[in-house]
Amino acid sequence: VCQMLLKELGEPLLTSTLILPDQNEPLDDPYDIEQQLEKRIDVFIDGGLGILNTTSIIDLSGDHPEVIRRGVGDVSAFE
């Protein structure tokens, strides 16, 4: 299914760990995510339970990369 979706989109698909502003732990249960965000998302693809490894987030919108959150993955190239 994922390969068909990517072929149809014609571009990469990016996912990240979801930690809501009022929470400390990432959401990993698709049912919980849908219940909390259903009115604020355009498309919801249930990929099953996730893993609780926090991803790293790098802001590339400015002149210099900024590490927003350190998680899984080496971010040293952006420092």
N, C-alpha and C. Protein backbone atom coordinates (compact mmCIF):
# COMPACT_ATOMS: atom_id res chain seq x y z
N VAL A 1 0.82 -1.19 0.00
CA VAL A 1 0.00 0.00 0.00
C VAL A 1 0.87 1.25 0.00
N CYS A 2 1.92 1.25 0.80
CA CYS A 2 2.79 2.42 0.89
C CYS A 2 3.46 2.72 -0.45
N GLN A 3 3.91 1.68 -1.14
CA GLN A 3 4.55 1.88 -2.44
C GLN A 3 3.56 2.49 -3.44
N MET A 4 2.32 2.04 -3.39
CA MET A 4 1.30 2.59 -4.29
C MET A 4 1.05 4.07 -3.97
N LEU A 5 0.99 4.39 -2.70
CA LEU A 5 0.78 5.78 -2.29
C LEU A 5 1.93 6.66 -2.76
N LEU A 6 3.17 6.21 -2.53
CA LEU A 6 4.33 6.99 -2.96
C LEU A 6 4.38 7.16 -4.47
N LYS A 7 4.02 6.12 -5.20
CA LYS A 7 3.99 6.21 -6.67
C LYS A 7 2.96 7.24 -7.11
N GLU A 8 1.80 7.23 -6.49
CA GLU A 8 0.74 8.17 -6.84
C GLU A 8 1.13 9.61 -6.48
N LEU A 9 1.76 9.78 -5.33
CA LEU A 9 2.19 11.12 -4.91
C LEU A 9 3.30 11.65 -5.80
N GLY A 10 4.20 10.77 -6.23
CA GLY A 10 5.31 11.19 -7.07
C GLY A 10 6.38 11.97 -6.31
N GLU A 11 6.36 11.86 -4.99
CA GLU A 11 7.35 12.55 -4.17
C GLU A 11 7.49 11.82 -2.84
N PRO A 12 8.55 12.13 -2.09
CA PRO A 12 8.75 11.44 -0.81
C PRO A 12 7.64 11.76 0.19
N LEU A 13 7.47 10.88 1.14
CA LEU A 13 6.52 11.06 2.22
C LEU A 13 7.32 11.12 3.52
N LEU A 14 7.10 12.15 4.33
CA LEU A 14 7.85 12.34 5.56
C LEU A 14 6.94 12.12 6.76
N THR A 15 7.45 11.42 7.74
CA THR A 15 6.72 11.26 8.99
C THR A 15 7.62 11.68 10.12
N SER A 16 7.03 12.00 11.25
CA SER A 16 7.84 12.31 12.43
C SER A 16 7.08 11.88 13.67
N THR A 17 7.77 11.88 14.78
CA THR A 17 7.16 11.55 16.05
C THR A 17 6.20 12.66 16.44
N LEU A 18 5.03 12.29 16.92
CA LEU A 18 4.04 13.29 17.30
C LEU A 18 4.01 13.46 18.81
N ILE A 19 4.45 14.64 19.25
CA ILE A 19 4.34 15.00 20.66
C ILE A 19 3.53 16.29 20.69
N LEU A 20 2.34 16.23 21.25
CA LEU A 20 1.48 17.40 21.33
C LEU A 20 2.04 18.38 22.36
N PRO A 21 1.77 19.68 22.20
CA PRO A 21 2.34 20.69 23.09
C PRO A 21 2.08 20.47 24.57
N ASP A 22 0.96 19.88 24.93
CA ASP A 22 0.64 19.69 26.35
C ASP A 22 1.04 18.32 26.88
N GLN A 23 1.84 17.59 26.11
CA GLN A 23 2.24 16.24 26.52
C GLN A 23 3.75 16.09 26.50
N ASN A 24 4.26 15.12 27.27
CA ASN A 24 5.70 14.85 27.31
C ASN A 24 6.11 13.64 26.49
N GLU A 25 5.19 12.73 26.26
CA GLU A 25 5.47 11.49 25.55
C GLU A 25 4.85 11.51 24.16
N PRO A 26 5.51 10.89 23.20
CA PRO A 26 4.93 10.83 21.85
C PRO A 26 3.71 9.90 21.80
N LEU A 27 2.79 10.21 20.91
CA LEU A 27 1.64 9.34 20.67
C LEU A 27 2.08 8.21 19.75
N ASP A 28 1.67 6.98 20.07
CA ASP A 28 2.06 5.85 19.22
C ASP A 28 0.88 4.98 18.81
N ASP A 29 -0.32 5.29 19.29
CA ASP A 29 -1.49 4.49 18.97
C ASP A 29 -2.35 5.25 17.96
N PRO A 30 -2.53 4.69 16.76
CA PRO A 30 -3.31 5.37 15.73
C PRO A 30 -4.71 5.78 16.20
N TYR A 31 -5.33 4.95 17.03
CA TYR A 31 -6.67 5.27 17.53
C TYR A 31 -6.62 6.55 18.37
N ASP A 32 -5.64 6.65 19.27
CA ASP A 32 -5.50 7.85 20.10
C ASP A 32 -5.22 9.09 19.26
N ILE A 33 -4.35 8.94 18.28
CA ILE A 33 -4.02 10.08 17.40
C ILE A 33 -5.26 10.55 16.66
N GLU A 34 -6.00 9.62 16.10
CA GLU A 34 -7.21 9.99 15.36
C GLU A 34 -8.22 10.67 16.27
N GLN A 35 -8.41 10.14 17.47
CA GLN A 35 -9.37 10.73 18.42
C GLN A 35 -8.98 12.16 18.80
N GLN A 36 -7.70 12.41 18.98
CA GLN A 36 -7.26 13.72 19.43
C GLN A 36 -7.14 14.75 18.31
N LEU A 37 -6.88 14.28 17.08
CA LEU A 37 -6.58 15.22 16.00
C LEU A 37 -7.51 15.14 14.79
N GLU A 38 -8.55 14.34 14.83
CA GLU A 38 -9.33 14.07 13.64
C GLU A 38 -9.86 15.32 12.94
N LYS A 39 -10.15 16.36 13.64
CA LYS A 39 -10.69 17.58 13.03
C LYS A 39 -9.59 18.50 12.49
N ARG A 40 -8.33 18.18 12.79
CA ARG A 40 -7.22 19.07 12.40
C ARG A 40 -6.30 18.48 11.35
N ILE A 41 -6.60 17.29 10.83
CA ILE A 41 -5.75 16.70 9.82
C ILE A 41 -6.56 16.41 8.55
N ASP A 42 -5.91 16.50 7.42
CA ASP A 42 -6.57 16.27 6.14
C ASP A 42 -6.65 14.78 5.81
N VAL A 43 -5.57 14.06 6.08
CA VAL A 43 -5.51 12.64 5.74
C VAL A 43 -4.91 11.89 6.91
N PHE A 44 -5.50 10.77 7.25
CA PHE A 44 -4.99 9.94 8.33
C PHE A 44 -4.77 8.54 7.78
N ILE A 45 -3.52 8.06 7.81
CA ILE A 45 -3.19 6.72 7.34
C ILE A 45 -2.77 5.91 8.55
N ASP A 46 -3.56 4.90 8.88
CA ASP A 46 -3.29 4.07 10.04
C ASP A 46 -2.24 3.04 9.67
N GLY A 47 -1.03 3.24 10.15
CA GLY A 47 0.08 2.31 9.89
C GLY A 47 0.33 1.35 11.03
N GLY A 48 -0.60 1.31 11.98
CA GLY A 48 -0.42 0.44 13.13
C GLY A 48 0.32 1.15 14.24
N LEU A 49 0.54 0.42 15.33
CA LEU A 49 1.24 1.00 16.47
C LEU A 49 2.65 1.42 16.09
N GLY A 50 3.04 2.56 16.58
CA GLY A 50 4.37 3.06 16.29
C GLY A 50 5.35 2.67 17.37
N ILE A 51 6.58 3.09 17.18
CA ILE A 51 7.61 2.88 18.19
C ILE A 51 7.81 4.20 18.92
N LEU A 52 8.24 4.14 20.14
CA LEU A 52 8.36 5.37 20.93
C LEU A 52 9.76 5.96 20.92
N ASN A 53 10.45 5.86 19.78
CA ASN A 53 11.73 6.51 19.62
C ASN A 53 11.49 7.90 19.06
N THR A 54 11.89 8.92 19.80
CA THR A 54 11.68 10.29 19.37
C THR A 54 12.60 10.63 18.20
N THR A 55 12.07 11.26 17.18
CA THR A 55 12.86 11.66 16.03
C THR A 55 13.55 13.00 16.29
N SER A 56 14.55 13.27 15.49
CA SER A 56 15.20 14.59 15.53
C SER A 56 14.49 15.49 14.54
N ILE A 57 14.42 16.76 14.87
CA ILE A 57 13.80 17.74 13.96
C ILE A 57 14.81 18.84 13.70
N ILE A 58 15.05 19.10 12.40
CA ILE A 58 15.98 20.15 11.98
C ILE A 58 15.20 21.18 11.17
N ASP A 59 15.30 22.45 11.56
CA ASP A 59 14.65 23.53 10.82
C ASP A 59 15.62 24.01 9.74
N LEU A 60 15.23 23.82 8.49
CA LEU A 60 16.07 24.22 7.36
C LEU A 60 15.51 25.45 6.65
N SER A 61 14.58 26.15 7.29
CA SER A 61 13.91 27.27 6.63
C SER A 61 14.72 28.56 6.63
N GLY A 62 15.71 28.67 7.50
CA GLY A 62 16.51 29.89 7.58
C GLY A 62 17.83 29.78 6.84
N ASP A 63 18.70 30.74 7.10
CA ASP A 63 20.03 30.74 6.46
C ASP A 63 20.92 29.63 6.99
N HIS A 64 20.70 29.22 8.25
CA HIS A 64 21.50 28.18 8.88
C HIS A 64 20.58 27.14 9.50
N PRO A 65 20.92 25.86 9.37
CA PRO A 65 20.10 24.81 10.00
C PRO A 65 20.05 24.99 11.51
N GLU A 66 18.88 24.69 12.10
CA GLU A 66 18.72 24.78 13.55
C GLU A 66 18.14 23.47 14.08
N VAL A 67 18.85 22.87 15.02
CA VAL A 67 18.36 21.64 15.64
C VAL A 67 17.25 22.03 16.62
N ILE A 68 16.03 21.61 16.31
CA ILE A 68 14.87 21.92 17.15
C ILE A 68 14.71 20.86 18.24
N ARG A 69 14.89 19.61 17.86
CA ARG A 69 14.75 18.51 18.83
C ARG A 69 15.76 17.43 18.50
N ARG A 70 16.49 16.97 19.50
CA ARG A 70 17.42 15.86 19.35
C ARG A 70 16.70 14.56 19.67
N GLY A 71 16.83 13.61 18.80
CA GLY A 71 16.23 12.30 19.02
C GLY A 71 17.05 11.26 18.29
N VAL A 72 16.37 10.31 17.66
CA VAL A 72 17.05 9.28 16.90
C VAL A 72 17.71 9.93 15.67
N GLY A 73 18.92 9.55 15.40
CA GLY A 73 19.63 10.07 14.23
C GLY A 73 20.72 11.05 14.63
N ASP A 74 21.76 11.06 13.84
CA ASP A 74 22.92 11.92 14.07
C ASP A 74 22.65 13.31 13.49
N VAL A 75 22.64 14.33 14.31
CA VAL A 75 22.37 15.69 13.84
C VAL A 75 23.63 16.54 13.77
N SER A 76 24.79 15.93 13.95
CA SER A 76 26.05 16.69 14.01
C SER A 76 26.33 17.46 12.71
N ALA A 77 25.86 17.00 11.60
CA ALA A 77 26.09 17.71 10.33
C ALA A 77 25.36 19.05 10.27
N PHE A 78 24.38 19.24 11.16
CA PHE A 78 23.58 20.46 11.15
C PHE A 78 23.96 21.42 12.26
N GLU A 79 25.04 21.09 13.00
CA GLU A 79 25.44 21.95 14.11
C GLU A 79 26.62 22.81 13.73
